Amino acid sequence: MYHVFYFTGNDQKISWEIQTADSSVKQNREHVEMYKNNVTTLQSKFIAFHVGLFWAIGTFIIKNDDSITVKCDEKIMYDCFQSNKEIDDEFIKKRIQFIKQLISQRKLKMKFELI
């Protein structure tokens, strides 16, 4: 199945939307206390991507071998996944590791687009 994945975040909350051919699912979450007001907007967006992807797999919206177009609104995020560009933020490096692990384990076909 083919999906389009949008996500965003700030110092208070994260959200994501997953569109398929015939449906769209939106989710919003407040950050857990340890992250609330303690993460940057960029860190929050990486959290949103990680949590949203994990949630979509757990709710069977995204299944093994699915194709996903990820819409990134931050060039640095796009570069991290499209070109494997390194980032000097240990928190973000950990999120990238988790995201790549999910992609690999589920054999997801990922395409990243900068919006």
C-alpha atoms as a PDB file:
ATOM      1  CA  MET A   1       0.000   0.000   0.000  1.00  0.00           C
ATOM      2  CA  TYR A   2       1.073   3.576  -0.642  1.00  0.00           C
ATOM      3  CA  HIS A   3       0.987   6.277   2.062  1.00  0.00           C
ATOM      4  CA  VAL A   4       1.843   9.960   2.397  1.00  0.00           C
ATOM      5  CA  PHE A   5       3.179  10.884   5.830  1.00  0.00           C
ATOM      6  CA  TYR A   6       3.167  14.439   7.247  1.00  0.00           C
ATOM      7  CA  PHE A   7       4.368  15.408  10.713  1.00  0.00           C
ATOM      8  CA  THR A   8       5.222  18.436  12.819  1.00  0.00           C
ATOM      9  CA  GLY A   9       6.067  19.393  16.360  1.00  0.00           C
ATOM     10  CA  ASN A  10       7.015  22.175  18.727  1.00  0.00           C
ATOM     11  CA  ASP A  11       8.091  22.433  22.370  1.00  0.00           C
ATOM     12  CA  GLN A  12       4.595  21.466  23.567  1.00  0.00           C
ATOM     13  CA  LYS A  13       3.173  18.847  21.200  1.00  0.00           C
ATOM     14  CA  ILE A  14       3.597  16.639  18.147  1.00  0.00           C
ATOM     15  CA  SER A  15       1.210  15.671  15.389  1.00  0.00           C
ATOM     16  CA  TRP A  16       1.137  13.584  12.242  1.00  0.00           C
ATOM     17  CA  GLU A  17      -1.147  12.705   9.364  1.00  0.00           C
ATOM     18  CA  ILE A  18      -1.084   9.586   7.231  1.00  0.00           C
ATOM     19  CA  GLN A  19      -2.945   9.600   3.935  1.00  0.00           C
ATOM     20  CA  THR A  20      -3.753   6.552   1.864  1.00  0.00           C
ATOM     21  CA  ALA A  21      -5.763   6.239  -1.328  1.00  0.00           C
ATOM     22  CA  ASP A  22      -9.118   6.304   0.461  1.00  0.00           C
ATOM     23  CA  SER A  23      -8.482   7.635   3.961  1.00  0.00           C
ATOM     24  CA  SER A  24      -6.617  10.114   6.106  1.00  0.00           C
ATOM     25  CA  VAL A  25      -5.781   9.715   9.786  1.00  0.00           C
ATOM     26  CA  LYS A  26      -4.593  12.590  11.986  1.00  0.00           C
ATOM     27  CA  GLN A  27      -3.159  12.302  15.476  1.00  0.00           C
ATOM     28  CA  ASN A  28      -2.002  14.862  18.052  1.00  0.00           C
ATOM     29  CA  ARG A  29      -0.102  14.274  21.263  1.00  0.00           C
ATOM     30  CA  GLU A  30       1.236  16.504  23.993  1.00  0.00           C
ATOM     31  CA  HIS A  31       4.856  15.885  24.808  1.00  0.00           C
ATOM     32  CA  VAL A  32       5.568  13.801  27.875  1.00  0.00           C
ATOM     33  CA  GLU A  33       6.692  15.967  30.798  1.00  0.00           C
ATOM     34  CA  MET A  34      10.413  15.300  30.284  1.00  0.00           C
ATOM     35  CA  TYR A  35      10.213  16.721  26.729  1.00  0.00           C
ATOM     36  CA  LYS A  36       7.682  19.521  27.259  1.00  0.00           C
ATOM     37  CA  ASN A  37       9.516  22.870  26.973  1.00  0.00           C
ATOM     38  CA  ASN A  38      12.826  20.938  26.897  1.00  0.00           C
ATOM     39  CA  VAL A  39      13.138  20.110  23.194  1.00  0.00           C
ATOM     40  CA  THR A  40      13.769  22.305  20.174  1.00  0.00           C
ATOM     41  CA  THR A  41      11.302  22.482  17.321  1.00  0.00           C
ATOM     42  CA  LEU A  42      13.652  20.362  15.203  1.00  0.00           C
ATOM     43  CA  GLN A  43      13.989  17.737  17.942  1.00  0.00           C
ATOM     44  CA  SER A  44      10.211  17.727  18.304  1.00  0.00           C
ATOM     45  CA  LYS A  45       9.746  17.074  14.584  1.00  0.00           C
ATOM     46  CA  PHE A  46      12.073  14.077  14.787  1.00  0.00           C
ATOM     47  CA  ILE A  47      10.031  12.834  17.765  1.00  0.00           C
ATOM     48  CA  ALA A  48       6.829  13.293  15.736  1.00  0.00           C
ATOM     49  CA  PHE A  49       8.261  11.320  12.826  1.00  0.00           C
ATOM     50  CA  HIS A  50       9.438   8.506  15.115  1.00  0.00           C
ATOM     51  CA  VAL A  51       6.266   8.292  17.219  1.00  0.00           C
ATOM     52  CA  GLY A  52       3.946   8.685  14.214  1.00  0.00           C
ATOM     53  CA  LEU A  53       5.696   5.947  12.270  1.00  0.00           C
ATOM     54  CA  PHE A  54       5.722   3.641  15.293  1.00  0.00           C
ATOM     55  CA  TRP A  55       2.027   4.373  15.953  1.00  0.00           C
ATOM     56  CA  ALA A  56       1.056   3.729  12.315  1.00  0.00           C
ATOM     57  CA  ILE A  57       2.841   0.377  12.337  1.00  0.00           C
ATOM     58  CA  GLY A  58       1.264  -0.542  15.678  1.00  0.00           C
ATOM     59  CA  THR A  59      -2.238   0.284  14.454  1.00  0.00           C
ATOM     60  CA  PHE A  60      -1.677  -1.638  11.198  1.00  0.00           C
ATOM     61  CA  ILE A  61      -2.093   1.423   8.993  1.00  0.00           C
ATOM     62  CA  ILE A  62       1.453   0.889   7.725  1.00  0.00           C
ATOM     63  CA  LYS A  63       2.378  -2.720   7.058  1.00  0.00           C
ATOM     64  CA  ASN A  64       5.525  -4.557   5.985  1.00  0.00           C
ATOM     65  CA  ASP A  65       6.754  -3.637   2.487  1.00  0.00           C
ATOM     66  CA  ASP A  66       4.496  -0.553   2.217  1.00  0.00           C
ATOM     67  CA  SER A  67       5.619   2.516   0.268  1.00  0.00           C
ATOM     68  CA  ILE A  68       5.688   5.836   2.096  1.00  0.00           C
ATOM     69  CA  THR A  69       6.327   9.343   0.841  1.00  0.00           C
ATOM     70  CA  VAL A  70       7.522  11.398   3.798  1.00  0.00           C
ATOM     71  CA  LYS A  71       6.921  15.143   3.500  1.00  0.00           C
ATOM     72  CA  CYS A  72       9.681  17.049   5.319  1.00  0.00           C
ATOM     73  CA  ASP A  73       9.431  20.775   5.998  1.00  0.00           C
ATOM     74  CA  GLU A  74      12.998  21.007   7.331  1.00  0.00           C
ATOM     75  CA  LYS A  75      15.895  20.713   4.881  1.00  0.00           C
ATOM     76  CA  ILE A  76      18.129  19.216   7.559  1.00  0.00           C
ATOM     77  CA  MET A  77      15.628  16.385   8.115  1.00  0.00           C
ATOM     78  CA  TYR A  78      15.382  15.780   4.402  1.00  0.00           C
ATOM     79  CA  ASP A  79      19.192  15.710   4.129  1.00  0.00           C
ATOM     80  CA  CYS A  80      19.541  13.316   7.084  1.00  0.00           C
ATOM     81  CA  PHE A  81      17.361  10.699   5.424  1.00  0.00           C
ATOM     82  CA  GLN A  82      17.948  11.387   1.741  1.00  0.00           C
ATOM     83  CA  SER A  83      21.731  11.927   1.843  1.00  0.00           C
ATOM     84  CA  ASN A  84      22.655  10.432   5.237  1.00  0.00           C
ATOM     85  CA  LYS A  85      23.925  13.833   6.340  1.00  0.00           C
ATOM     86  CA  GLU A  86      25.293  13.789   9.888  1.00  0.00           C
ATOM     87  CA  ILE A  87      23.825  16.047  12.551  1.00  0.00           C
ATOM     88  CA  ASP A  88      25.567  17.194  15.756  1.00  0.00           C
ATOM     89  CA  ASP A  89      22.668  16.546  18.107  1.00  0.00           C
ATOM     90  CA  GLU A  90      22.809  13.304  20.108  1.00  0.00           C
ATOM     91  CA  PHE A  91      19.067  13.397  20.820  1.00  0.00           C
ATOM     92  CA  ILE A  92      18.274  13.621  17.102  1.00  0.00           C
ATOM     93  CA  LYS A  93      20.872  10.967  16.233  1.00  0.00           C
ATOM     94  CA  LYS A  94      19.025   8.552  18.526  1.00  0.00           C
ATOM     95  CA  ARG A  95      15.671   9.324  16.860  1.00  0.00           C
ATOM     96  CA  ILE A  96      17.230   8.783  13.413  1.00  0.00           C
ATOM     97  CA  GLN A  97      18.579   5.431  14.594  1.00  0.00           C
ATOM     98  CA  PHE A  98      15.119   4.345  15.813  1.00  0.00           C
ATOM     99  CA  ILE A  99      13.405   5.534  12.616  1.00  0.00           C
ATOM    100  CA  LYS A 100      15.901   3.735  10.373  1.00  0.00           C
ATOM    101  CA  GLN A 101      15.497   0.609  12.481  1.00  0.00           C
ATOM    102  CA  LEU A 102      11.709   0.647  11.950  1.00  0.00           C
ATOM    103  CA  ILE A 103      12.180   1.219   8.217  1.00  0.00           C
ATOM    104  CA  SER A 104      14.610  -1.679   7.962  1.00  0.00           C
ATOM    105  CA  GLN A 105      12.645  -4.108  10.150  1.00  0.00           C
ATOM    106  CA  ARG A 106       9.411  -3.499   8.231  1.00  0.00           C
ATOM    107  CA  LYS A 107      11.117  -3.314   4.819  1.00  0.00           C
ATOM    108  CA  LEU A 108       9.424  -0.018   4.098  1.00  0.00           C
ATOM    109  CA  LYS A 109      10.044   1.710   0.798  1.00  0.00           C
ATOM    110  CA  MET A 110      10.682   5.324   1.753  1.00  0.00           C
ATOM    111  CA  LYS A 111      10.721   8.418  -0.414  1.00  0.00           C
ATOM    112  CA  PHE A 112      11.495  11.800   1.156  1.00  0.00           C
ATOM    113  CA  GLU A 113      10.254  15.085  -0.273  1.00  0.00           C
ATOM    114  CA  LEU A 114      11.046  18.588   0.885  1.00  0.00           C
ATOM    115  CA  ILE A 115       7.967  20.809   1.153  1.00  0.00           C
END
